[in-house]
Amino acid sequence: MLLARVEGNLVATRKHPSFDAWRLVICQPIGKSGEAEGAPVIAIDSHGAGMHQQVVISSDGKAARKAVGVDKSPVRWLVTGIVDEHEPGKRI
């Protein structure tokens, strides 16, 4: 699991059928002080995270495939929660 910030929504004219009912968001992994760490990732979001909100994302592909209900889905990342408060220096 990683702490990330939502940087935008993804709109696709063509996408895998397992993504049809899902909102796709661009998430930028961030460090403890909020600085960007690594490349942005695309995640499915059922929580309705808003722009620039901090979220917890998971790269557990098996859990993401279970969420979409398709064993052969290419999904990898999913938003597991929205961060209400984050105390710097504390582990998430």
PDB file of N, CA and C in Angstrom:
ATOM      1  N   MET A   1       0.838  -1.175   0.000  1.00  0.00           N
ATOM      2  CA  MET A   1       0.000   0.000   0.000  1.00  0.00           C
ATOM      3  C   MET A   1       0.877   1.229   0.000  1.00  0.00           C
ATOM      4  N   LEU A   2       0.394   2.242  -0.714  1.00  0.00           N
ATOM      5  CA  LEU A   2       1.129   3.492  -0.828  1.00  0.00           C
ATOM      6  C   LEU A   2       0.202   4.669  -0.550  1.00  0.00           C
ATOM      7  N   LEU A   3       0.791   5.733  -0.047  1.00  0.00           N
ATOM      8  CA  LEU A   3       0.083   6.990   0.079  1.00  0.00           C
ATOM      9  C   LEU A   3       0.219   7.688  -1.261  1.00  0.00           C
ATOM     10  N   ALA A   4      -0.865   8.244  -1.785  1.00  0.00           N
ATOM     11  CA  ALA A   4      -0.839   8.906  -3.088  1.00  0.00           C
ATOM     12  C   ALA A   4      -1.784  10.101  -3.073  1.00  0.00           C
ATOM     13  N   ARG A   5      -1.647  10.928  -4.104  1.00  0.00           N
ATOM     14  CA  ARG A   5      -2.523  12.086  -4.282  1.00  0.00           C
ATOM     15  C   ARG A   5      -3.218  11.926  -5.637  1.00  0.00           C
ATOM     16  N   VAL A   6      -4.511  12.153  -5.665  1.00  0.00           N
ATOM     17  CA  VAL A   6      -5.266  12.062  -6.923  1.00  0.00           C
ATOM     18  C   VAL A   6      -4.942  13.289  -7.770  1.00  0.00           C
ATOM     19  N   GLU A   7      -4.444  13.038  -8.981  1.00  0.00           N
ATOM     20  CA  GLU A   7      -4.039  14.122  -9.877  1.00  0.00           C
ATOM     21  C   GLU A   7      -5.003  14.334 -11.035  1.00  0.00           C
ATOM     22  N   GLY A   8      -5.950  13.404 -11.227  1.00  0.00           N
ATOM     23  CA  GLY A   8      -6.907  13.591 -12.315  1.00  0.00           C
ATOM     24  C   GLY A   8      -7.722  12.348 -12.573  1.00  0.00           C
ATOM     25  N   ASN A   9      -8.681  12.488 -13.470  1.00  0.00           N
ATOM     26  CA  ASN A   9      -9.509  11.377 -13.913  1.00  0.00           C
ATOM     27  C   ASN A   9      -8.993  10.911 -15.266  1.00  0.00           C
ATOM     28  N   LEU A  10      -9.241   9.669 -15.585  1.00  0.00           N
ATOM     29  CA  LEU A  10      -8.839   9.126 -16.870  1.00  0.00           C
ATOM     30  C   LEU A  10     -10.090   8.799 -17.658  1.00  0.00           C
ATOM     31  N   VAL A  11     -10.158   9.303 -18.879  1.00  0.00           N
ATOM     32  CA  VAL A  11     -11.262   9.013 -19.779  1.00  0.00           C
ATOM     33  C   VAL A  11     -10.690   8.252 -20.962  1.00  0.00           C
ATOM     34  N   ALA A  12     -11.289   7.115 -21.295  1.00  0.00           N
ATOM     35  CA  ALA A  12     -10.797   6.294 -22.390  1.00  0.00           C
ATOM     36  C   ALA A  12     -11.923   5.983 -23.361  1.00  0.00           C
ATOM     37  N   THR A  13     -11.645   6.126 -24.650  1.00  0.00           N
ATOM     38  CA  THR A  13     -12.656   5.780 -25.643  1.00  0.00           C
ATOM     39  C   THR A  13     -12.759   4.271 -25.801  1.00  0.00           C
ATOM     40  N   ARG A  14     -11.665   3.574 -25.542  1.00  0.00           N
ATOM     41  CA  ARG A  14     -11.656   2.115 -25.559  1.00  0.00           C
ATOM     42  C   ARG A  14     -10.928   1.643 -24.317  1.00  0.00           C
ATOM     43  N   LYS A  15     -11.514   0.686 -23.634  1.00  0.00           N
ATOM     44  CA  LYS A  15     -10.876   0.132 -22.447  1.00  0.00           C
ATOM     45  C   LYS A  15     -11.338  -1.304 -22.268  1.00  0.00           C
ATOM     46  N   HIS A  16     -10.629  -2.019 -21.434  1.00  0.00           N
ATOM     47  CA  HIS A  16     -10.985  -3.411 -21.170  1.00  0.00           C
ATOM     48  C   HIS A  16     -12.403  -3.450 -20.596  1.00  0.00           C
ATOM     49  N   PRO A  17     -13.222  -4.429 -21.010  1.00  0.00           N
ATOM     50  CA  PRO A  17     -14.602  -4.510 -20.516  1.00  0.00           C
ATOM     51  C   PRO A  17     -14.723  -4.564 -18.995  1.00  0.00           C
ATOM     52  N   SER A  18     -13.717  -5.073 -18.305  1.00  0.00           N
ATOM     53  CA  SER A  18     -13.800  -5.154 -16.836  1.00  0.00           C
ATOM     54  C   SER A  18     -13.747  -3.774 -16.174  1.00  0.00           C
ATOM     55  N   PHE A  19     -13.363  -2.737 -16.924  1.00  0.00           N
ATOM     56  CA  PHE A  19     -13.302  -1.377 -16.380  1.00  0.00           C
ATOM     57  C   PHE A  19     -14.586  -0.587 -16.617  1.00  0.00           C
ATOM     58  N   ASP A  20     -15.571  -1.170 -17.299  1.00  0.00           N
ATOM     59  CA  ASP A  20     -16.762  -0.427 -17.716  1.00  0.00           C
ATOM     60  C   ASP A  20     -17.487   0.285 -16.578  1.00  0.00           C
ATOM     61  N   ALA A  21     -17.647  -0.318 -15.442  1.00  0.00           N
ATOM     62  CA  ALA A  21     -18.408   0.298 -14.348  1.00  0.00           C
ATOM     63  C   ALA A  21     -17.515   1.039 -13.357  1.00  0.00           C
ATOM     64  N   TRP A  22     -16.250   1.235 -13.683  1.00  0.00           N
ATOM     65  CA  TRP A  22     -15.293   1.794 -12.724  1.00  0.00           C
ATOM     66  C   TRP A  22     -14.803   3.164 -13.133  1.00  0.00           C
ATOM     67  N   ARG A  23     -14.596   3.997 -12.136  1.00  0.00           N
ATOM     68  CA  ARG A  23     -13.961   5.298 -12.329  1.00  0.00           C
ATOM     69  C   ARG A  23     -12.460   5.073 -12.261  1.00  0.00           C
ATOM     70  N   LEU A  24     -11.737   5.621 -13.227  1.00  0.00           N
ATOM     71  CA  LEU A  24     -10.283   5.497 -13.253  1.00  0.00           C
ATOM     72  C   LEU A  24      -9.667   6.835 -12.872  1.00  0.00           C
ATOM     73  N   VAL A  25      -8.705   6.800 -11.952  1.00  0.00           N
ATOM     74  CA  VAL A  25      -8.046   8.025 -11.494  1.00  0.00           C
ATOM     75  C   VAL A  25      -6.537   7.901 -11.640  1.00  0.00           C
ATOM     76  N   ILE A  26      -5.905   9.037 -11.864  1.00  0.00           N
ATOM     77  CA  ILE A  26      -4.444   9.111 -11.926  1.00  0.00           C
ATOM     78  C   ILE A  26      -3.962   9.440 -10.529  1.00  0.00           C
ATOM     79  N   CYS A  27      -3.137   8.553  -9.960  1.00  0.00           N
ATOM     80  CA  CYS A  27      -2.647   8.721  -8.591  1.00  0.00           C
ATOM     81  C   CYS A  27      -1.132   8.886  -8.601  1.00  0.00           C
ATOM     82  N   GLN A  28      -0.647   9.933  -7.957  1.00  0.00           N
ATOM     83  CA  GLN A  28       0.781  10.176  -7.824  1.00  0.00           C
ATOM     84  C   GLN A  28       1.231   9.717  -6.436  1.00  0.00           C
ATOM     85  N   PRO A  29       2.041   8.646  -6.362  1.00  0.00           N
ATOM     86  CA  PRO A  29       2.572   8.250  -5.055  1.00  0.00           C
ATOM     87  C   PRO A  29       3.348   9.404  -4.426  1.00  0.00           C
ATOM     88  N   ILE A  30       3.185   9.575  -3.122  1.00  0.00           N
ATOM     89  CA  ILE A  30       3.858  10.668  -2.416  1.00  0.00           C
ATOM     90  C   ILE A  30       4.559  10.134  -1.177  1.00  0.00           C
ATOM     91  N   GLY A  31       5.550  10.910  -0.729  1.00  0.00           N
ATOM     92  CA  GLY A  31       6.294  10.564   0.475  1.00  0.00           C
ATOM     93  C   GLY A  31       5.617  11.129   1.712  1.00  0.00           C
ATOM     94  N   LYS A  32       6.284  10.969   2.842  1.00  0.00           N
ATOM     95  CA  LYS A  32       5.725  11.409   4.123  1.00  0.00           C
ATOM     96  C   LYS A  32       5.435  12.901   4.165  1.00  0.00           C
ATOM     97  N   SER A  33       6.270  13.693   3.494  1.00  0.00           N
ATOM     98  CA  SER A  33       6.063  15.139   3.530  1.00  0.00           C
ATOM     99  C   SER A  33       5.237  15.646   2.348  1.00  0.00           C
ATOM    100  N   GLY A  34       4.727  14.736   1.511  1.00  0.00           N
ATOM    101  CA  GLY A  34       3.855  15.127   0.415  1.00  0.00           C
ATOM    102  C   GLY A  34       4.526  15.284  -0.926  1.00  0.00           C
ATOM    103  N   GLU A  35       5.844  15.051  -0.988  1.00  0.00           N
ATOM    104  CA  GLU A  35       6.548  15.192  -2.265  1.00  0.00           C
ATOM    105  C   GLU A  35       6.324  13.953  -3.127  1.00  0.00           C
ATOM    106  N   ALA A  36       6.294  14.154  -4.437  1.00  0.00           N
ATOM    107  CA  ALA A  36       6.071  13.056  -5.382  1.00  0.00           C
ATOM    108  C   ALA A  36       7.207  12.043  -5.303  1.00  0.00           C
ATOM    109  N   GLU A  37       6.839  10.778  -5.380  1.00  0.00           N
ATOM    110  CA  GLU A  37       7.819   9.688  -5.372  1.00  0.00           C
ATOM    111  C   GLU A  37       7.466   8.700  -6.475  1.00  0.00           C
ATOM    112  N   GLY A  38       8.252   8.672  -7.520  1.00  0.00           N
ATOM    113  CA  GLY A  38       8.012   7.726  -8.603  1.00  0.00           C
ATOM    114  C   GLY A  38       6.995   8.225  -9.607  1.00  0.00           C
ATOM    115  N   ALA A  39       6.633   7.326 -10.504  1.00  0.00           N
ATOM    116  CA  ALA A  39       5.720   7.652 -11.594  1.00  0.00           C
ATOM    117  C   ALA A  39       4.260   7.521 -11.159  1.00  0.00           C
ATOM    118  N   PRO A  40       3.376   8.333 -11.747  1.00  0.00           N
ATOM    119  CA  PRO A  40       1.948   8.190 -11.455  1.00  0.00           C
ATOM    120  C   PRO A  40       1.422   6.841 -11.935  1.00  0.00           C
ATOM    121  N   VAL A  41       0.346   6.373 -11.312  1.00  0.00           N
ATOM    122  CA  VAL A  41      -0.284   5.108 -11.698  1.00  0.00           C
ATOM    123  C   VAL A  41      -1.775   5.351 -11.906  1.00  0.00           C
ATOM    124  N   ILE A  42      -2.401   4.456 -12.655  1.00  0.00           N
ATOM    125  CA  ILE A  42      -3.840   4.499 -12.873  1.00  0.00           C
ATOM    126  C   ILE A  42      -4.488   3.497 -11.927  1.00  0.00           C
ATOM    127  N   ALA A  43      -5.486   3.933 -11.190  1.00  0.00           N
ATOM    128  CA  ALA A  43      -6.154   3.060 -10.220  1.00  0.00           C
ATOM    129  C   ALA A  43      -7.665   3.120 -10.414  1.00  0.00           C
ATOM    130  N   ILE A  44      -8.344   2.022 -10.068  1.00  0.00           N
ATOM    131  CA  ILE A  44      -9.799   2.040 -10.047  1.00  0.00           C
ATOM    132  C   ILE A  44     -10.230   2.639  -8.709  1.00  0.00           C
ATOM    133  N   ASP A  45     -11.333   3.386  -8.736  1.00  0.00           N
ATOM    134  CA  ASP A  45     -11.769   4.087  -7.520  1.00  0.00           C
ATOM    135  C   ASP A  45     -13.259   3.910  -7.319  1.00  0.00           C
ATOM    136  N   SER A  46     -13.620   3.259  -6.238  1.00  0.00           N
ATOM    137  CA  SER A  46     -15.042   3.133  -5.891  1.00  0.00           C
ATOM    138  C   SER A  46     -15.411   4.053  -4.737  1.00  0.00           C
ATOM    139  N   HIS A  47     -14.443   4.830  -4.244  1.00  0.00           N
ATOM    140  CA  HIS A  47     -14.678   5.682  -3.076  1.00  0.00           C
ATOM    141  C   HIS A  47     -15.053   7.116  -3.443  1.00  0.00           C
ATOM    142  N   GLY A  48     -14.832   7.502  -4.697  1.00  0.00           N
ATOM    143  CA  GLY A  48     -15.164   8.854  -5.125  1.00  0.00           C
ATOM    144  C   GLY A  48     -14.175   9.901  -4.658  1.00  0.00           C
ATOM    145  N   ALA A  49     -12.897   9.568  -4.679  1.00  0.00           N
ATOM    146  CA  ALA A  49     -11.865  10.517  -4.250  1.00  0.00           C
ATOM    147  C   ALA A  49     -11.855  11.736  -5.168  1.00  0.00           C
ATOM    148  N   GLY A  50     -11.677  12.906  -4.571  1.00  0.00           N
ATOM    149  CA  GLY A  50     -11.647  14.157  -5.327  1.00  0.00           C
ATOM    150  C   GLY A  50     -10.241  14.542  -5.737  1.00  0.00           C
ATOM    151  N   MET A  51     -10.175  15.526  -6.617  1.00  0.00           N
ATOM    152  CA  MET A  51      -8.883  16.025  -7.073  1.00  0.00           C
ATOM    153  C   MET A  51      -8.023  16.478  -5.886  1.00  0.00           C
ATOM    154  N   HIS A  52      -6.772  16.093  -5.925  1.00  0.00           N
ATOM    155  CA  HIS A  52      -5.754  16.461  -4.936  1.00  0.00           C
ATOM    156  C   HIS A  52      -5.990  15.871  -3.547  1.00  0.00           C
ATOM    157  N   GLN A  53      -6.951  14.970  -3.403  1.00  0.00           N
ATOM    158  CA  GLN A  53      -7.139  14.297  -2.119  1.00  0.00           C
ATOM    159  C   GLN A  53      -6.076  13.228  -1.958  1.00  0.00           C
ATOM    160  N   GLN A  54      -5.658  13.019  -0.716  1.00  0.00           N
ATOM    161  CA  GLN A  54      -4.740  11.936  -0.428  1.00  0.00           C
ATOM    162  C   GLN A  54      -5.530  10.644  -0.287  1.00  0.00           C
ATOM    163  N   VAL A  55      -4.990   9.588  -0.891  1.00  0.00           N
ATOM    164  CA  VAL A  55      -5.640   8.279  -0.860  1.00  0.00           C
ATOM    165  C   VAL A  55      -4.600   7.213  -0.537  1.00  0.00           C
ATOM    166  N   VAL A  56      -5.072   6.060  -0.140  1.00  0.00           N
ATOM    167  CA  VAL A  56      -4.225   4.890   0.029  1.00  0.00           C
ATOM    168  C   VAL A  56      -4.522   3.992  -1.157  1.00  0.00           C
ATOM    169  N   ILE A  57      -3.468   3.599  -1.893  1.00  0.00           N
ATOM    170  CA  ILE A  57      -3.642   2.729  -3.048  1.00  0.00           C
ATOM    171  C   ILE A  57      -2.910   1.418  -2.812  1.00  0.00           C
ATOM    172  N   SER A  58      -3.415   0.378  -3.428  1.00  0.00           N
ATOM    173  CA  SER A  58      -2.817  -0.951  -3.288  1.00  0.00           C
ATOM    174  C   SER A  58      -2.493  -1.496  -4.662  1.00  0.00           C
ATOM    175  N   SER A  59      -1.353  -2.175  -4.760  1.00  0.00           N
ATOM    176  CA  SER A  59      -0.951  -2.803  -6.025  1.00  0.00           C
ATOM    177  C   SER A  59      -1.255  -4.301  -6.010  1.00  0.00           C
ATOM    178  N   ASP A  60      -2.132  -4.717  -5.122  1.00  0.00           N
ATOM    179  CA  ASP A  60      -2.506  -6.126  -5.035  1.00  0.00           C
ATOM    180  C   ASP A  60      -3.437  -6.454  -6.199  1.00  0.00           C
ATOM    181  N   GLY A  61      -2.860  -6.957  -7.279  1.00  0.00           N
ATOM    182  CA  GLY A  61      -3.626  -7.256  -8.481  1.00  0.00           C
ATOM    183  C   GLY A  61      -4.736  -8.262  -8.253  1.00  0.00           C
ATOM    184  N   LYS A  62      -4.499  -9.241  -7.385  1.00  0.00           N
ATOM    185  CA  LYS A  62      -5.518 -10.251  -7.112  1.00  0.00           C
ATOM    186  C   LYS A  62      -6.744  -9.612  -6.468  1.00  0.00           C
ATOM    187  N   ALA A  63      -6.533  -8.726  -5.510  1.00  0.00           N
ATOM    188  CA  ALA A  63      -7.652  -8.036  -4.857  1.00  0.00           C
ATOM    189  C   ALA A  63      -8.375  -7.124  -5.851  1.00  0.00           C
ATOM    190  N   ALA A  64      -7.622  -6.461  -6.732  1.00  0.00           N
ATOM    191  CA  ALA A  64      -8.235  -5.591  -7.730  1.00  0.00           C
ATOM    192  C   ALA A  64      -9.078  -6.402  -8.712  1.00  0.00           C
ATOM    193  N   ARG A  65      -8.566  -7.561  -9.142  1.00  0.00           N
ATOM    194  CA  ARG A  65      -9.333  -8.423 -10.058  1.00  0.00           C
ATOM    195  C   ARG A  65     -10.585  -8.962  -9.373  1.00  0.00           C
ATOM    196  N   LYS A  66     -10.483  -9.246  -8.076  1.00  0.00           N
ATOM    197  CA  LYS A  66     -11.656  -9.704  -7.328  1.00  0.00           C
ATOM    198  C   LYS A  66     -12.696  -8.586  -7.249  1.00  0.00           C
ATOM    199  N   ALA A  67     -12.230  -7.345  -7.076  1.00  0.00           N
ATOM    200  CA  ALA A  67     -13.144  -6.205  -6.999  1.00  0.00           C
ATOM    201  C   ALA A  67     -13.914  -6.012  -8.300  1.00  0.00           C
ATOM    202  N   VAL A  68     -13.233  -6.163  -9.442  1.00  0.00           N
ATOM    203  CA  VAL A  68     -13.925  -5.983 -10.733  1.00  0.00           C
ATOM    204  C   VAL A  68     -14.677  -7.238 -11.145  1.00  0.00           C
ATOM    205  N   GLY A  69     -14.366  -8.365 -10.515  1.00  0.00           N
ATOM    206  CA  GLY A  69     -15.091  -9.600 -10.782  1.00  0.00           C
ATOM    207  C   GLY A  69     -14.672 -10.333 -12.044  1.00  0.00           C
ATOM    208  N   VAL A  70     -13.453 -10.058 -12.531  1.00  0.00           N
ATOM    209  CA  VAL A  70     -12.956 -10.707 -13.747  1.00  0.00           C
ATOM    210  C   VAL A  70     -11.536 -11.220 -13.473  1.00  0.00           C
ATOM    211  N   ASP A  71     -11.364 -12.543 -13.497  1.00  0.00           N
ATOM    212  CA  ASP A  71     -10.072 -13.145 -13.176  1.00  0.00           C
ATOM    213  C   ASP A  71      -8.952 -12.753 -14.129  1.00  0.00           C
ATOM    214  N   LYS A  72      -9.268 -12.426 -15.362  1.00  0.00           N
ATOM    215  CA  LYS A  72      -8.241 -12.101 -16.360  1.00  0.00           C
ATOM    216  C   LYS A  72      -8.173 -10.601 -16.664  1.00  0.00           C
ATOM    217  N   SER A  73      -8.709  -9.782 -15.778  1.00  0.00           N
ATOM    218  CA  SER A  73      -8.677  -8.328 -15.967  1.00  0.00           C
ATOM    219  C   SER A  73      -7.235  -7.820 -15.851  1.00  0.00           C
ATOM    220  N   PRO A  74      -6.868  -6.792 -16.629  1.00  0.00           N
ATOM    221  CA  PRO A  74      -5.525  -6.215 -16.523  1.00  0.00           C
ATOM    222  C   PRO A  74      -5.372  -5.226 -15.366  1.00  0.00           C
ATOM    223  N   VAL A  75      -6.379  -5.094 -14.529  1.00  0.00           N
ATOM    224  CA  VAL A  75      -6.323  -4.136 -13.428  1.00  0.00           C
ATOM    225  C   VAL A  75      -5.207  -4.504 -12.447  1.00  0.00           C
ATOM    226  N   ARG A  76      -4.516  -3.479 -11.945  1.00  0.00           N
ATOM    227  CA  ARG A  76      -3.422  -3.708 -11.008  1.00  0.00           C
ATOM    228  C   ARG A  76      -3.574  -2.877  -9.740  1.00  0.00           C
ATOM    229  N   TRP A  77      -3.954  -1.610  -9.874  1.00  0.00           N
ATOM    230  CA  TRP A  77      -4.023  -0.696  -8.738  1.00  0.00           C
ATOM    231  C   TRP A  77      -5.465  -0.381  -8.376  1.00  0.00           C
ATOM    232  N   LEU A  78      -5.735  -0.235  -7.070  1.00  0.00           N
ATOM    233  CA  LEU A  78      -7.047   0.203  -6.634  1.00  0.00           C
ATOM    234  C   LEU A  78      -6.921   1.131  -5.435  1.00  0.00           C
ATOM    235  N   VAL A  79      -7.850   2.070  -5.354  1.00  0.00           N
ATOM    236  CA  VAL A  79      -7.915   2.978  -4.210  1.00  0.00           C
ATOM    237  C   VAL A  79      -8.596   2.201  -3.091  1.00  0.00           C
ATOM    238  N   THR A  80      -7.893   2.062  -1.972  1.00  0.00           N
ATOM    239  CA  THR A  80      -8.464   1.313  -0.850  1.00  0.00           C
ATOM    240  C   THR A  80      -9.061   2.232   0.216  1.00  0.00           C
ATOM    241  N   GLY A  81      -8.746   3.520   0.157  1.00  0.00           N
ATOM    242  CA  GLY A  81      -9.316   4.448   1.127  1.00  0.00           C
ATOM    243  C   GLY A  81      -8.909   5.877   0.868  1.00  0.00           C
ATOM    244  N   ILE A  82      -9.671   6.806   1.421  1.00  0.00           N
ATOM    245  CA  ILE A  82      -9.378   8.231   1.345  1.00  0.00           C
ATOM    246  C   ILE A  82      -8.834   8.660   2.699  1.00  0.00           C
ATOM    247  N   VAL A  83      -7.743   9.418   2.690  1.00  0.00           N
ATOM    248  CA  VAL A  83      -7.096   9.858   3.930  1.00  0.00           C
ATOM    249  C   VAL A  83      -7.784  11.127   4.421  1.00  0.00           C
ATOM    250  N   ASP A  84      -8.354  11.055   5.625  1.00  0.00           N
ATOM    251  CA  ASP A  84      -8.966  12.242   6.239  1.00  0.00           C
ATOM    252  C   ASP A  84      -7.891  13.114   6.867  1.00  0.00           C
ATOM    253  N   GLU A  85      -7.024  12.483   7.641  1.00  0.00           N
ATOM    254  CA  GLU A  85      -5.929  13.184   8.303  1.00  0.00           C
ATOM    255  C   GLU A  85      -4.694  12.316   8.222  1.00  0.00           C
ATOM    256  N   HIS A  86      -3.550  12.964   8.102  1.00  0.00           N
ATOM    257  CA  HIS A  86      -2.295  12.227   8.069  1.00  0.00           C
ATOM    258  C   HIS A  86      -1.289  12.975   8.918  1.00  0.00           C
ATOM    259  N   GLU A  87      -0.812  12.324   9.938  1.00  0.00           N
ATOM    260  CA  GLU A  87       0.180  12.920  10.821  1.00  0.00           C
ATOM    261  C   GLU A  87       1.559  12.619  10.244  1.00  0.00           C
ATOM    262  N   PRO A  88       2.306  13.634   9.797  1.00  0.00           N
ATOM    263  CA  PRO A  88       3.617  13.387   9.208  1.00  0.00           C
ATOM    264  C   PRO A  88       4.506  12.551  10.140  1.00  0.00           C
ATOM    265  N   GLY A  89       5.228  11.635   9.555  1.00  0.00           N
ATOM    266  CA  GLY A  89       6.121  10.776  10.329  1.00  0.00           C
ATOM    267  C   GLY A  89       5.483   9.485  10.793  1.00  0.00           C
ATOM    268  N   LYS A  90       4.176   9.396  10.732  1.00  0.00           N
ATOM    269  CA  LYS A  90       3.473   8.168  11.126  1.00  0.00           C
ATOM    270  C   LYS A  90       3.350   7.259   9.919  1.00  0.00           C
ATOM    271  N   ARG A  91       3.481   5.965  10.155  1.00  0.00           N
ATOM    272  CA  ARG A  91       3.318   4.979   9.071  1.00  0.00           C
ATOM    273  C   ARG A  91       1.839   4.807   8.762  1.00  0.00           C
ATOM    274  N   ILE A  92       1.585   4.545   7.509  1.00  0.00           N
ATOM    275  CA  ILE A  92       0.204   4.283   7.091  1.00  0.00           C
ATOM    276  C   ILE A  92       0.055   2.801   6.866  1.00  0.00           C
TER     277      ILE A  92
END
